[in-house]
Amino acid sequence: MNIFDQYLNKIKKVLLDLSKNDNLILPDKLDGITTEVPPLKFNSDISTNVAMVLSKLNKKSPIDLASNLVEDLKKNDRLIEDISIINPGFINIKFKPIFWTNFVEEIIKNAKPFGINTKEKKKNYLVEFVSANPTGPLHVGHCRGAILGDVITNILLFNKHKVTKEYYVNDYGNQIINFTKSVYFRIREIIFNEPFPTNNNDLYPGDYLIEFAQNIIKSNKKIDFKDLDKIFDKLTELSIDEALKLIKKNLNSLGINHDNFVSEKKLVNNQEVEKVVDFLQKRKFVYKGKIKAPAGEDNKNWVEREQLLFKSTDFGDDKDRALQKSDGAWTYFASDVAYHKNKLDRKFDNLINILGADHAGYIKRISSSVDALSNSKGKLICKVSQLVKLIKDKQPFKMSKRKGDYITVDDLINEEGKDATRFMMLNRSSDVELDFDFDNVIEKSKDNPLYYVQYSYARIASVFRHLDKDLKAEIKIKKFDFQYSDEEINILKKLSEWPKCIDTSSKKLEPHLIPTYLYELASLFHSYWNLGKDNPKKRFINDKKKITDDKLIFLKAISNVIKTGMNIVDVSVPEKM
């Protein structure tokens, strides 16, 4: 039940009726008319901008047009208690208390989860996220992007879209050559007692490579590790397998599992790069040319070479991009173009890429390639996951670096746990930097958003437990003739915003809106709960150790929304704390 959509439809019906009687001029499409939550100071339930949208066309001021619309809106709805007009022309609607009783009844009795968008056309999404090089464990920077991609997936699945989660394995190029050599030197360190060449900056120094080497030696006793050239391809395969095992373990500790892992090397070996370049050449999007030195580069050291270039400037990029180097080798960008052609060939309605902060500048070029490949019909959405700063005792926090020169996902999980990591990583919009404050995470107060939300659910569970009732069980009420207080109605108003929160999160791919909403709901609930400390009438359980039906349903409705929201972000809701 989305009351905002319901009332938008009611408003549009009134407008159409007025236009039929020549009392109102309407545009061809009723776009731009909204129903929103009004500021608290106006003591209203819904606000609409309809008068401001239509004022110019009807040659009236927004205030005058609003005055004309108010009576028609009111006489068409017996549940409206009052309508007011607020400068510069907003129409604010306040409902009768019975509206909120009907609202609770509908969300409790409805078989479909409250908040789901049943009217939205269902689509098939591909969400690609993390895609870190398979050269070691995931670090904290990958952690935020991983959770972002996973929760975006959960939101889309909640709204009954089809979603495939994919990891693009960058197992081709110089970084893999250096990674294989690093594993090889660790193997020789174990077998031949040779020191690892720490002075070689091309190698990966992390101690995790020792475990990789041990596993490879143990499982491949027939391999002779004396000559790298002879075993290079096999060792590369084994090393990548070990890295992917660790990455999948890291992801699993965050509660994340991908549906597909797509190998860049296989795309290259299957000549998909050649095929996509040929595809673009036939459409005259490829030519041979030279690229000027990038901004900030020393022009003296830059050598302009003839390369195979993609006309990305035809699609809004700031310069054309190299597909093939002068020596004939394909660029990383060429492989990425081939990968996105592969995505498009699999007939997804929408492609979503979750990128790290260091790849923000990459968005335009890959978007350009998708436009070229799809005749601008392939919808690619890129979301950037900004940096994470770890804070403890108000200072930057450095945990163990035994696995390399960075802080790993395992380090963070071991320190804070899955729930805290997931919830706190979503606490701000992904496009701004995030301070992960360890001190807040252990706080048992409103300063810890996770605790505050979980504790609200636990408090509700304690009431049901006291009454020997199952919080998860369906509650059957024959007659919903409830009367809610102003404080309770304020909470019900917040519950009414839940479908709108889900809808906005889904359409804009902004999962941080969900923990923000849950914290606001929890805050209202805790404030109301605390009223019972001084006023027995405000307590959920009365002097006779019983609870009235209205209070029972009220608590049930709140708990359902909290549990639904926490399920979407994949964070637990304990019944005891």
Protein backbone atom coordinates (compact mmCIF):
# COMPACT_ATOMS: atom_id res chain seq x y z
CA MET A 1 0.00 0.00 0.00
CA ASN A 2 1.71 3.15 -1.22
CA ILE A 3 -0.51 5.99 0.01
CA PHE A 4 1.50 8.53 -1.98
CA ASP A 5 0.84 6.74 -5.25
CA GLN A 6 -2.80 6.22 -4.25
CA TYR A 7 -3.34 9.89 -3.63
CA LEU A 8 -1.46 10.91 -6.73
CA ASN A 9 -3.91 8.79 -8.72
CA LYS A 10 -6.86 10.35 -6.84
CA ILE A 11 -5.57 13.83 -7.59
CA LYS A 12 -5.15 12.99 -11.28
CA LYS A 13 -8.73 11.65 -11.41
CA VAL A 14 -10.06 14.91 -9.92
CA LEU A 15 -8.04 16.87 -12.49
CA LEU A 16 -9.41 14.80 -15.37
CA ASP A 17 -12.99 15.27 -14.13
CA LEU A 18 -12.49 19.05 -13.90
CA SER A 19 -10.99 19.19 -17.40
CA LYS A 20 -13.98 17.32 -18.84
CA ASN A 21 -16.23 20.07 -17.46
CA ASP A 22 -13.93 22.73 -18.92
CA ASN A 23 -13.00 23.92 -15.43
CA LEU A 24 -9.31 23.14 -15.86
CA ILE A 25 -6.78 23.04 -18.69
CA LEU A 26 -4.45 20.03 -18.62
CA PRO A 27 -1.28 19.29 -20.57
CA ASP A 28 -1.07 16.18 -22.76
CA LYS A 29 0.79 14.37 -19.95
CA LEU A 30 0.40 14.89 -16.22
CA ASP A 31 4.13 14.78 -15.58
CA GLY A 32 5.81 16.59 -12.73
CA ILE A 33 2.91 16.30 -10.28
CA THR A 34 4.13 14.75 -7.03
CA THR A 35 2.88 13.68 -3.62
CA GLU A 36 5.45 14.02 -0.87
CA VAL A 37 5.90 13.96 2.89
CA PRO A 38 5.36 17.54 4.13
CA PRO A 39 7.65 19.12 6.74
CA LEU A 40 6.67 18.14 10.29
CA LYS A 41 5.80 21.74 11.28
CA PHE A 42 2.76 21.76 8.97
CA ASN A 43 1.04 18.87 10.83
CA SER A 44 -0.13 17.28 7.58
CA ASP A 45 0.17 13.83 6.05
CA ILE A 46 0.64 14.42 2.31
CA SER A 47 1.69 17.44 0.26
CA THR A 48 1.23 17.95 -3.49
CA ASN A 49 2.68 20.48 -5.95
CA VAL A 50 -0.22 20.10 -8.43
CA ALA A 51 -1.22 23.80 -8.32
CA MET A 52 2.32 24.98 -9.10
CA VAL A 53 2.65 22.56 -12.01
CA LEU A 54 -0.63 23.64 -13.65
CA SER A 55 -0.72 27.35 -12.75
CA LYS A 56 1.02 28.73 -15.85
CA LEU A 57 -1.09 26.71 -18.30
CA ASN A 58 -4.28 27.88 -16.54
CA LYS A 59 -3.04 31.50 -16.27
CA LYS A 60 -3.59 31.61 -12.53
CA SER A 61 -1.27 32.00 -9.58
CA PRO A 62 -0.47 28.72 -7.75
CA ILE A 63 -2.30 30.01 -4.66
CA ASP A 64 -5.47 30.87 -6.63
CA LEU A 65 -5.43 27.57 -8.50
CA ALA A 66 -4.86 25.66 -5.26
CA SER A 67 -7.89 27.42 -3.75
CA ASN A 68 -9.99 26.23 -6.69
CA LEU A 69 -8.79 22.64 -6.33
CA VAL A 70 -9.17 22.23 -2.57
CA GLU A 71 -12.93 21.76 -2.45
CA ASP A 72 -12.91 19.24 -5.31
CA LEU A 73 -10.20 17.24 -3.60
CA LYS A 74 -11.99 17.28 -0.26
CA LYS A 75 -15.45 16.33 -1.50
CA ASN A 76 -14.00 13.31 -3.30
CA ASP A 77 -12.49 11.80 -0.15
CA ARG A 78 -14.36 11.27 3.12
CA LEU A 79 -11.11 10.39 4.90
CA ILE A 80 -9.67 13.90 4.56
CA GLU A 81 -9.93 15.92 7.75
CA ASP A 82 -8.39 19.16 6.55
CA ILE A 83 -6.64 20.75 3.55
CA SER A 84 -4.39 23.79 3.78
CA ILE A 85 -2.52 25.87 1.20
CA ILE A 86 1.10 26.74 1.89
CA ASN A 87 3.19 29.27 -0.05
CA PRO A 88 4.14 29.21 -2.87
CA GLY A 89 1.19 26.90 -3.65
CA PHE A 90 1.59 23.52 -1.97
CA ILE A 91 -1.62 21.72 -1.02
CA ASN A 92 -1.22 19.91 2.32
CA ILE A 93 -3.68 17.16 3.23
CA LYS A 94 -4.39 15.85 6.73
CA PHE A 95 -6.33 12.60 7.16
CA LYS A 96 -8.87 11.60 9.79
CA PRO A 97 -7.61 9.09 12.41
CA ILE A 98 -9.73 6.34 10.80
CA PHE A 99 -7.45 6.56 7.75
CA TRP A 100 -4.57 5.22 9.82
CA THR A 101 -6.66 2.40 11.24
CA ASN A 102 -7.54 1.40 7.67
CA PHE A 103 -3.88 1.70 6.73
CA VAL A 104 -2.77 -0.71 9.47
CA GLU A 105 -5.51 -3.17 8.57
CA GLU A 106 -4.52 -3.21 4.92
CA ILE A 107 -0.80 -3.75 5.46
CA ILE A 108 -1.41 -6.50 8.03
CA LYS A 109 -4.00 -8.38 5.96
CA ASN A 110 -2.23 -7.99 2.59
CA ALA A 111 -0.51 -11.23 1.57
CA LYS A 112 2.19 -9.36 -0.39
CA PRO A 113 5.13 -7.89 1.55
CA PHE A 114 4.45 -4.30 2.54
CA GLY A 115 6.53 -1.96 0.38
CA ILE A 116 6.77 -4.07 -2.76
CA ASN A 117 6.06 -2.25 -6.04
CA THR A 118 3.56 -4.48 -7.82
CA LYS A 119 2.90 -2.04 -10.68
CA GLU A 120 6.47 -1.57 -11.91
CA LYS A 121 7.36 -3.42 -15.12
CA LYS A 122 9.66 -6.31 -14.24
CA LYS A 123 13.11 -6.26 -15.84
CA ASN A 124 16.16 -8.45 -16.17
CA TYR A 125 19.26 -6.90 -14.57
CA LEU A 126 22.94 -7.82 -14.63
CA VAL A 127 24.84 -6.39 -11.66
CA GLU A 128 28.61 -6.56 -11.94
CA PHE A 129 30.47 -5.74 -8.75
CA VAL A 130 33.78 -6.14 -6.93
CA SER A 131 35.76 -7.53 -9.92
CA ALA A 132 39.05 -7.10 -8.08
CA ASN A 133 42.18 -8.53 -9.67
CA PRO A 134 42.56 -12.22 -8.65
CA THR A 135 45.92 -11.59 -7.05
CA GLY A 136 45.07 -11.63 -3.34
CA PRO A 137 42.46 -11.05 -0.65
CA LEU A 138 39.83 -8.33 -0.86
CA HIS A 139 40.63 -5.13 0.99
CA VAL A 140 38.37 -2.62 2.74
CA GLY A 141 37.97 -0.58 -0.45
CA HIS A 142 36.43 -3.61 -2.18
CA CYS A 143 34.21 -4.25 0.86
CA ARG A 144 32.02 -1.18 0.40
CA GLY A 145 31.49 -1.82 -3.32
CA ALA A 146 30.70 -5.47 -2.65
CA ILE A 147 27.99 -4.60 -0.11
CA LEU A 148 26.62 -1.86 -2.37
CA GLY A 149 26.23 -4.29 -5.29
CA ASP A 150 24.73 -6.99 -3.09
CA VAL A 151 22.10 -4.75 -1.49
CA ILE A 152 21.16 -3.16 -4.83
CA THR A 153 20.54 -6.73 -5.99
CA ASN A 154 18.41 -7.44 -2.91
CA ILE A 155 16.29 -4.33 -3.48
CA LEU A 156 15.64 -5.28 -7.11
CA LEU A 157 14.82 -8.86 -6.10
CA PHE A 158 12.41 -7.57 -3.44
CA ASN A 159 10.54 -5.75 -6.21
CA LYS A 160 10.42 -9.05 -8.16
CA HIS A 161 12.94 -8.14 -10.85
CA LYS A 162 15.25 -10.82 -12.22
CA VAL A 163 18.86 -10.20 -11.24
CA THR A 164 22.17 -11.89 -12.04
CA LYS A 165 25.19 -11.07 -9.86
CA GLU A 166 28.46 -11.24 -11.76
CA TYR A 167 32.17 -10.99 -10.99
CA TYR A 168 34.50 -10.11 -13.88
CA VAL A 169 37.81 -11.89 -13.30
CA ASN A 170 40.72 -9.78 -14.57
CA ASP A 171 42.94 -12.82 -15.19
CA TYR A 172 44.77 -11.45 -18.23
CA GLY A 173 47.67 -9.01 -18.48
CA ASN A 174 50.90 -8.01 -16.75
CA GLN A 175 49.47 -8.11 -13.23
CA ILE A 176 48.77 -11.84 -13.66
CA ILE A 177 52.30 -12.47 -14.96
CA ASN A 178 53.72 -10.73 -11.90
CA PHE A 179 51.32 -12.55 -9.62
CA THR A 180 52.36 -15.94 -10.99
CA LYS A 181 56.02 -15.06 -10.53
CA SER A 182 55.27 -14.01 -6.92
CA VAL A 183 53.67 -17.38 -6.17
CA TYR A 184 56.58 -19.15 -7.87
CA PHE A 185 59.14 -17.40 -5.65
CA ARG A 186 57.13 -18.36 -2.56
CA ILE A 187 57.17 -21.97 -3.77
CA ARG A 188 60.94 -21.83 -4.17
CA GLU A 189 61.19 -20.26 -0.73
CA ILE A 190 59.40 -23.30 0.72
CA ILE A 191 61.00 -26.06 -1.37
CA PHE A 192 64.51 -24.75 -1.95
CA ASN A 193 64.83 -22.40 1.03
CA GLU A 194 65.51 -19.46 -1.31
CA PRO A 195 64.72 -15.97 0.07
CA PHE A 196 61.78 -14.15 -1.49
CA PRO A 197 63.10 -11.22 -3.61
CA THR A 198 61.59 -8.38 -1.53
CA ASN A 199 63.51 -5.78 -3.54
CA ASN A 200 61.49 -6.56 -6.69
CA ASN A 201 58.69 -3.97 -6.78
CA ASP A 202 56.79 -5.87 -9.49
CA LEU A 203 56.07 -8.77 -7.13
CA TYR A 204 53.24 -9.13 -4.60
CA PRO A 205 54.72 -9.17 -1.06
CA GLY A 206 51.79 -10.43 1.03
CA ASP A 207 52.19 -13.39 3.36
CA TYR A 208 48.96 -14.85 1.95
CA LEU A 209 51.09 -16.04 -1.00
CA ILE A 210 52.82 -18.48 1.35
CA GLU A 211 49.51 -20.24 1.94
CA PHE A 212 48.83 -20.23 -1.84
CA ALA A 213 52.23 -21.79 -2.43
CA GLN A 214 51.72 -24.42 0.29
CA ASN A 215 48.33 -25.43 -1.15
CA ILE A 216 49.71 -25.69 -4.68
CA ILE A 217 52.70 -27.80 -3.56
CA LYS A 218 50.47 -30.11 -1.53
CA SER A 219 47.94 -30.67 -4.33
CA ASN A 220 50.40 -30.91 -7.23
CA LYS A 221 53.18 -33.25 -6.13
CA LYS A 222 54.00 -34.34 -9.70
CA ILE A 223 54.91 -30.82 -10.84
CA ASP A 224 58.62 -30.00 -11.06
CA PHE A 225 58.97 -26.42 -9.80
CA LYS A 226 62.58 -25.96 -10.93
CA ASP A 227 61.86 -24.27 -14.29
CA LEU A 228 59.20 -21.53 -14.31
CA ASP A 229 59.01 -21.33 -18.11
CA LYS A 230 57.92 -24.95 -18.40
CA ILE A 231 55.13 -24.70 -15.84
CA PHE A 232 54.14 -21.04 -16.22
CA ASP A 233 50.69 -21.58 -17.78
CA LYS A 234 49.78 -24.33 -15.30
CA LEU A 235 51.06 -22.33 -12.35
CA THR A 236 49.09 -19.29 -13.50
CA GLU A 237 45.92 -21.38 -13.55
CA LEU A 238 46.62 -22.84 -10.10
CA SER A 239 47.52 -19.44 -8.62
CA ILE A 240 44.35 -17.78 -9.92
CA ASP A 241 42.30 -20.68 -8.53
CA GLU A 242 43.83 -20.10 -5.10
CA ALA A 243 43.19 -16.36 -5.29
CA LEU A 244 39.56 -16.89 -6.32
CA LYS A 245 39.03 -19.37 -3.47
CA LEU A 246 40.20 -16.69 -1.03
CA ILE A 247 38.13 -13.95 -2.69
CA LYS A 248 35.00 -16.12 -2.58
CA LYS A 249 35.72 -16.87 1.10
CA ASN A 250 36.07 -13.11 1.76
CA LEU A 251 32.78 -12.43 -0.02
CA ASN A 252 31.04 -15.27 1.80
CA SER A 253 32.07 -13.78 5.15
CA LEU A 254 30.17 -10.66 4.05
CA GLY A 255 27.14 -12.79 3.10
CA ILE A 256 27.78 -12.37 -0.64
CA ASN A 257 27.65 -15.01 -3.35
CA HIS A 258 27.90 -14.29 -7.08
CA ASP A 259 25.94 -16.17 -9.74
CA ASN A 260 28.66 -15.93 -12.40
CA PHE A 261 32.41 -15.50 -12.61
CA VAL A 262 33.45 -14.37 -16.12
CA SER A 263 37.09 -14.77 -17.15
CA GLU A 264 38.78 -11.98 -19.12
CA LYS A 265 41.35 -14.53 -20.33
CA LYS A 266 38.63 -16.72 -21.84
CA LEU A 267 37.14 -13.73 -23.64
CA VAL A 268 40.54 -12.98 -25.15
CA ASN A 269 41.30 -16.63 -26.01
CA ASN A 270 37.86 -16.99 -27.63
CA GLN A 271 38.78 -14.03 -29.86
CA GLU A 272 35.87 -11.98 -28.52
CA VAL A 273 38.09 -8.88 -28.56
CA GLU A 274 38.81 -9.33 -32.29
CA LYS A 275 35.12 -9.90 -32.93
CA VAL A 276 33.99 -6.75 -31.11
CA VAL A 277 36.65 -4.63 -32.82
CA ASP A 278 35.46 -5.96 -36.16
CA PHE A 279 31.88 -5.19 -35.11
CA LEU A 280 32.82 -1.58 -34.36
CA GLN A 281 34.93 -1.23 -37.50
CA LYS A 282 31.98 -2.20 -39.69
CA ARG A 283 30.05 0.63 -38.06
CA LYS A 284 32.96 3.03 -38.68
CA PHE A 285 33.61 3.64 -34.99
CA VAL A 286 37.27 2.58 -35.21
CA TYR A 287 40.25 4.24 -36.91
CA LYS A 288 44.06 4.45 -36.72
CA GLY A 289 45.36 7.56 -35.05
CA LYS A 290 47.57 9.08 -32.36
CA ILE A 291 46.68 10.12 -28.81
CA LYS A 292 48.12 13.25 -27.25
CA ALA A 293 49.72 13.11 -23.81
CA PRO A 294 47.18 12.86 -20.98
CA ALA A 295 46.68 15.94 -18.83
CA GLY A 296 49.41 16.17 -16.23
CA GLU A 297 51.85 13.92 -18.16
CA ASP A 298 55.30 15.15 -19.04
CA ASN A 299 55.02 15.90 -22.77
CA LYS A 300 58.75 15.44 -23.14
CA ASN A 301 58.53 11.76 -22.18
CA TRP A 302 55.32 11.08 -24.11
CA VAL A 303 55.73 9.39 -27.49
CA GLU A 304 52.78 9.65 -29.89
CA ARG A 305 52.33 6.30 -31.63
CA GLU A 306 49.78 5.24 -34.17
CA GLN A 307 47.17 3.07 -32.48
CA LEU A 308 43.76 1.59 -33.19
CA LEU A 309 41.30 4.03 -31.63
CA PHE A 310 37.60 3.90 -30.74
CA LYS A 311 35.56 7.03 -31.54
CA SER A 312 34.29 7.48 -28.00
CA THR A 313 34.02 11.26 -28.58
CA ASP A 314 31.05 10.49 -30.86
CA PHE A 315 29.23 9.43 -27.70
CA GLY A 316 30.23 12.25 -25.36
CA ASP A 317 33.67 11.16 -24.12
CA ASP A 318 36.39 13.82 -23.85
CA LYS A 319 38.80 11.93 -26.14
CA ASP A 320 38.99 8.80 -28.27
CA ARG A 321 40.29 5.64 -26.59
CA ALA A 322 42.93 3.13 -27.62
CA LEU A 323 41.80 -0.43 -28.41
CA GLN A 324 45.11 -1.74 -29.68
CA LYS A 325 48.67 -0.62 -28.96
CA SER A 326 51.29 0.04 -31.62
CA ASP A 327 52.88 -3.36 -30.87
CA GLY A 328 49.59 -5.13 -31.66
CA ALA A 329 48.64 -5.95 -28.05
CA TRP A 330 45.05 -5.29 -26.99
CA THR A 331 44.44 -2.68 -24.30
CA TYR A 332 42.52 -3.34 -21.07
CA PHE A 333 39.78 -1.16 -22.51
CA ALA A 334 39.44 -3.46 -25.54
CA SER A 335 38.84 -6.43 -23.23
CA ASP A 336 36.24 -4.44 -21.31
CA VAL A 337 34.44 -3.52 -24.54
CA ALA A 338 34.37 -7.22 -25.49
CA TYR A 339 33.00 -8.06 -22.05
CA HIS A 340 30.17 -5.54 -22.40
CA LYS A 341 29.35 -6.87 -25.86
CA ASN A 342 29.11 -10.28 -24.17
CA LYS A 343 26.72 -8.78 -21.60
CA LEU A 344 24.52 -7.22 -24.27
CA ASP A 345 24.41 -10.46 -26.24
CA ARG A 346 22.89 -12.13 -23.16
CA LYS A 347 19.83 -9.84 -23.54
CA PHE A 348 19.70 -8.08 -20.17
CA ASP A 349 17.36 -5.10 -19.94
CA ASN A 350 19.75 -3.15 -17.74
CA LEU A 351 23.45 -3.38 -16.97
CA ILE A 352 24.67 -2.10 -13.60
CA ASN A 353 28.39 -1.66 -12.88
CA ILE A 354 29.66 -0.98 -9.37
CA LEU A 355 33.02 0.78 -9.67
CA GLY A 356 35.66 1.71 -7.13
CA ALA A 357 36.67 5.31 -6.52
CA ASP A 358 39.77 4.85 -8.69
CA HIS A 359 37.57 3.94 -11.68
CA ALA A 360 35.26 6.97 -11.59
CA GLY A 361 37.00 8.43 -14.64
CA TYR A 362 36.32 5.21 -16.52
CA ILE A 363 32.55 5.65 -16.65
CA LYS A 364 32.29 7.80 -19.76
CA ARG A 365 34.47 5.62 -21.96
CA ILE A 366 32.72 2.35 -21.09
CA SER A 367 29.30 4.04 -21.40
CA SER A 368 30.38 5.26 -24.85
CA SER A 369 31.28 1.74 -25.93
CA VAL A 370 27.91 0.37 -24.74
CA ASP A 371 26.11 3.10 -26.69
CA ALA A 372 28.10 2.24 -29.82
CA LEU A 373 27.48 -1.49 -29.42
CA SER A 374 23.74 -1.13 -28.84
CA ASN A 375 22.85 1.84 -31.05
CA SER A 376 22.34 3.76 -27.79
CA LYS A 377 19.68 1.26 -26.67
CA GLY A 378 21.74 -0.60 -24.08
CA LYS A 379 21.12 0.94 -20.69
CA LEU A 380 24.30 0.99 -18.60
CA ILE A 381 24.18 2.42 -15.08
CA CYS A 382 27.45 2.98 -13.21
CA LYS A 383 27.60 3.52 -9.46
CA VAL A 384 30.82 4.62 -7.77
CA SER A 385 31.79 3.33 -4.35
CA GLN A 386 33.91 5.99 -2.69
CA LEU A 387 36.76 5.48 -0.23
CA VAL A 388 36.41 4.19 3.33
CA LYS A 389 38.39 5.64 6.24
CA LEU A 390 38.71 3.48 9.34
CA ILE A 391 38.57 5.51 12.57
CA LYS A 392 39.34 4.39 16.14
CA ASP A 393 39.86 6.67 19.15
CA LYS A 394 39.26 9.55 16.73
CA GLN A 395 42.38 8.55 14.77
CA PRO A 396 42.95 6.67 11.50
CA PHE A 397 43.03 2.99 12.41
CA LYS A 398 45.56 0.56 10.96
CA MET A 399 44.86 -3.13 11.51
CA SER A 400 47.15 -6.04 10.75
CA LYS A 401 48.85 -5.86 7.38
CA ARG A 402 50.14 -9.43 7.37
CA LYS A 403 48.27 -10.11 4.13
CA GLY A 404 49.91 -7.33 2.18
CA ASP A 405 50.08 -3.55 2.17
CA TYR A 406 46.39 -3.03 2.87
CA ILE A 407 43.66 -3.82 5.38
CA THR A 408 41.65 -6.87 4.34
CA VAL A 409 37.96 -7.71 4.50
CA ASP A 410 38.83 -10.56 6.88
CA ASP A 411 40.56 -8.08 9.20
CA LEU A 412 37.41 -5.96 9.31
CA ILE A 413 35.01 -8.90 9.75
CA ASN A 414 37.13 -10.37 12.54
CA GLU A 415 37.15 -7.00 14.29
CA GLU A 416 33.49 -5.96 13.86
CA GLY A 417 31.47 -8.87 12.43
CA LYS A 418 29.29 -9.16 9.33
CA ASP A 419 26.25 -7.23 10.59
CA ALA A 420 28.13 -4.13 11.69
CA THR A 421 30.26 -4.12 8.56
CA ARG A 422 27.29 -4.35 6.19
CA PHE A 423 25.09 -1.84 8.03
CA MET A 424 27.77 0.78 8.60
CA MET A 425 29.09 0.55 5.04
CA LEU A 426 25.61 1.53 3.87
CA ASN A 427 25.28 4.39 6.30
CA ARG A 428 26.03 7.08 3.71
CA SER A 429 25.49 7.53 0.01
CA SER A 430 28.06 5.53 -1.97
CA ASP A 431 29.28 8.60 -3.87
CA VAL A 432 30.74 10.25 -0.74
CA GLU A 433 33.64 9.09 1.43
CA LEU A 434 32.70 7.07 4.50
CA ASP A 435 34.23 7.21 7.98
CA PHE A 436 33.87 3.77 9.58
CA ASP A 437 34.10 4.61 13.28
CA PHE A 438 34.90 1.57 15.44
CA ASP A 439 33.94 3.41 18.63
CA ASN A 440 30.39 4.02 17.38
CA VAL A 441 29.97 0.39 16.38
CA ILE A 442 30.40 -0.84 19.97
CA GLU A 443 28.20 1.90 21.48
CA LYS A 444 24.87 0.77 22.93
CA SER A 445 23.12 4.05 22.16
CA LYS A 446 21.53 6.04 19.36
CA ASP A 447 25.05 6.93 18.21
CA ASN A 448 25.28 3.36 16.90
CA PRO A 449 22.64 3.10 14.14
CA LEU A 450 22.87 -0.71 13.97
CA TYR A 451 22.30 -1.17 17.71
CA TYR A 452 19.45 1.35 17.70
CA VAL A 453 17.56 -0.47 14.93
CA GLN A 454 18.22 -3.97 16.29
CA TYR A 455 17.22 -2.90 19.81
CA SER A 456 13.86 -1.57 18.58
CA TYR A 457 13.07 -5.01 17.14
CA ALA A 458 14.28 -6.73 20.32
CA ARG A 459 12.03 -4.50 22.43
CA ILE A 460 9.01 -5.45 20.33
CA ALA A 461 9.99 -9.13 20.57
CA SER A 462 10.20 -8.82 24.36
CA VAL A 463 6.52 -7.75 24.50
CA PHE A 464 5.44 -10.75 22.43
CA ARG A 465 7.66 -13.07 24.47
CA HIS A 466 6.11 -11.76 27.72
CA LEU A 467 2.67 -12.64 26.32
CA ASP A 468 3.82 -16.08 25.09
CA LYS A 469 3.17 -15.00 21.51
CA ASP A 470 5.26 -15.64 18.39
CA LEU A 471 6.35 -12.37 16.79
CA LYS A 472 6.75 -14.09 13.42
CA ALA A 473 3.28 -15.64 13.45
CA GLU A 474 0.28 -14.14 11.65
CA ILE A 475 -2.11 -12.18 13.85
CA LYS A 476 -5.82 -12.52 13.17
CA ILE A 477 -8.06 -9.66 14.24
CA LYS A 478 -11.77 -9.76 13.40
CA LYS A 479 -12.59 -6.11 13.90
CA PHE A 480 -10.13 -3.25 13.25
CA ASP A 481 -11.95 -0.48 15.14
CA PHE A 482 -8.82 1.07 16.64
CA GLN A 483 -8.16 4.56 17.89
CA TYR A 484 -4.53 5.63 17.71
CA SER A 485 -2.89 8.46 19.64
CA ASP A 486 -1.01 11.31 17.97
CA GLU A 487 2.33 9.69 18.87
CA GLU A 488 1.21 6.40 17.34
CA ILE A 489 -0.07 8.12 14.22
CA ASN A 490 3.34 9.80 13.79
CA ILE A 491 4.91 6.34 13.72
CA LEU A 492 2.24 5.08 11.31
CA LYS A 493 3.03 8.05 9.07
CA LYS A 494 6.64 6.89 9.05
CA LEU A 495 5.52 3.36 8.16
CA SER A 496 3.55 4.82 5.24
CA GLU A 497 6.84 6.17 3.83
CA TRP A 498 8.35 2.67 3.58
CA PRO A 499 7.03 1.86 0.06
CA LYS A 500 8.30 5.24 -1.12
CA CYS A 501 11.71 4.50 0.41
CA ILE A 502 11.87 1.14 -1.39
CA ASP A 503 10.69 2.69 -4.65
CA THR A 504 13.29 5.46 -4.56
CA SER A 505 16.04 3.05 -3.51
CA SER A 506 15.16 0.78 -6.44
CA LYS A 507 14.83 3.44 -9.12
CA LYS A 508 17.86 5.49 -8.08
CA LEU A 509 19.92 2.49 -6.87
CA GLU A 510 20.54 4.19 -3.52
CA PRO A 511 20.57 1.44 -0.85
CA HIS A 512 21.74 3.81 1.92
CA LEU A 513 18.17 5.16 2.04
CA ILE A 514 17.04 1.92 3.72
CA PRO A 515 19.28 2.00 6.86
CA THR A 516 18.61 5.74 7.09
CA TYR A 517 14.86 5.10 7.07
CA LEU A 518 15.15 2.24 9.60
CA TYR A 519 17.13 4.46 11.98
CA GLU A 520 14.48 7.19 11.76
CA LEU A 521 11.71 4.65 12.41
CA ALA A 522 13.63 3.18 15.35
CA SER A 523 14.14 6.67 16.81
CA LEU A 524 10.39 7.37 16.74
CA PHE A 525 9.66 3.99 18.29
CA HIS A 526 12.20 4.35 21.12
CA SER A 527 10.84 7.80 21.95
CA TYR A 528 7.31 6.40 22.14
CA TRP A 529 8.46 3.38 24.19
CA ASN A 530 10.11 5.67 26.74
CA LEU A 531 6.81 7.51 27.33
CA GLY A 532 5.61 4.37 29.11
CA LYS A 533 8.21 4.80 31.84
CA ASP A 534 6.28 7.74 33.30
CA ASN A 535 2.80 7.12 31.92
CA PRO A 536 1.26 3.65 32.47
CA LYS A 537 -1.36 4.36 29.80
CA LYS A 538 1.42 4.52 27.20
CA ARG A 539 2.72 1.03 28.05
CA PHE A 540 2.05 -1.80 25.66
CA ILE A 541 1.18 -4.28 28.42
CA ASN A 542 -1.48 -3.02 30.86
CA ASP A 543 -1.91 -3.64 34.60
CA LYS A 544 -3.77 -6.87 33.86
CA LYS A 545 -0.69 -8.17 32.03
CA LYS A 546 -2.58 -8.03 28.74
CA ILE A 547 -2.25 -6.11 25.50
CA THR A 548 -5.03 -4.56 23.46
CA ASP A 549 -5.48 -5.54 19.81
CA ASP A 550 -4.59 -2.08 18.56
CA LYS A 551 -1.24 -2.14 20.39
CA LEU A 552 -0.52 -5.70 19.22
CA ILE A 553 -1.13 -4.87 15.57
CA PHE A 554 0.76 -1.60 15.94
CA LEU A 555 3.87 -3.44 17.17
CA LYS A 556 3.48 -6.14 14.55
CA ALA A 557 3.38 -3.59 11.74
CA ILE A 558 6.55 -1.87 13.01
CA SER A 559 8.43 -5.15 13.45
CA ASN A 560 7.47 -6.33 9.96
CA VAL A 561 8.95 -3.22 8.34
CA ILE A 562 12.13 -3.40 10.45
CA LYS A 563 12.61 -7.08 9.61
CA THR A 564 11.90 -6.52 5.91
CA GLY A 565 14.41 -3.68 5.74
CA MET A 566 17.09 -5.58 7.64
CA ASN A 567 16.55 -8.63 5.42
CA ILE A 568 17.17 -6.44 2.37
CA VAL A 569 20.49 -5.19 3.77
CA ASP A 570 21.13 -8.77 5.03
CA VAL A 571 21.62 -7.87 8.68
CA SER A 572 20.21 -9.91 11.56
CA VAL A 573 17.41 -8.80 13.89
CA PRO A 574 17.92 -10.62 17.21
CA GLU A 575 14.89 -10.99 19.48
CA LYS A 576 17.04 -10.67 22.59
CA MET A 577 19.85 -8.15 23.25
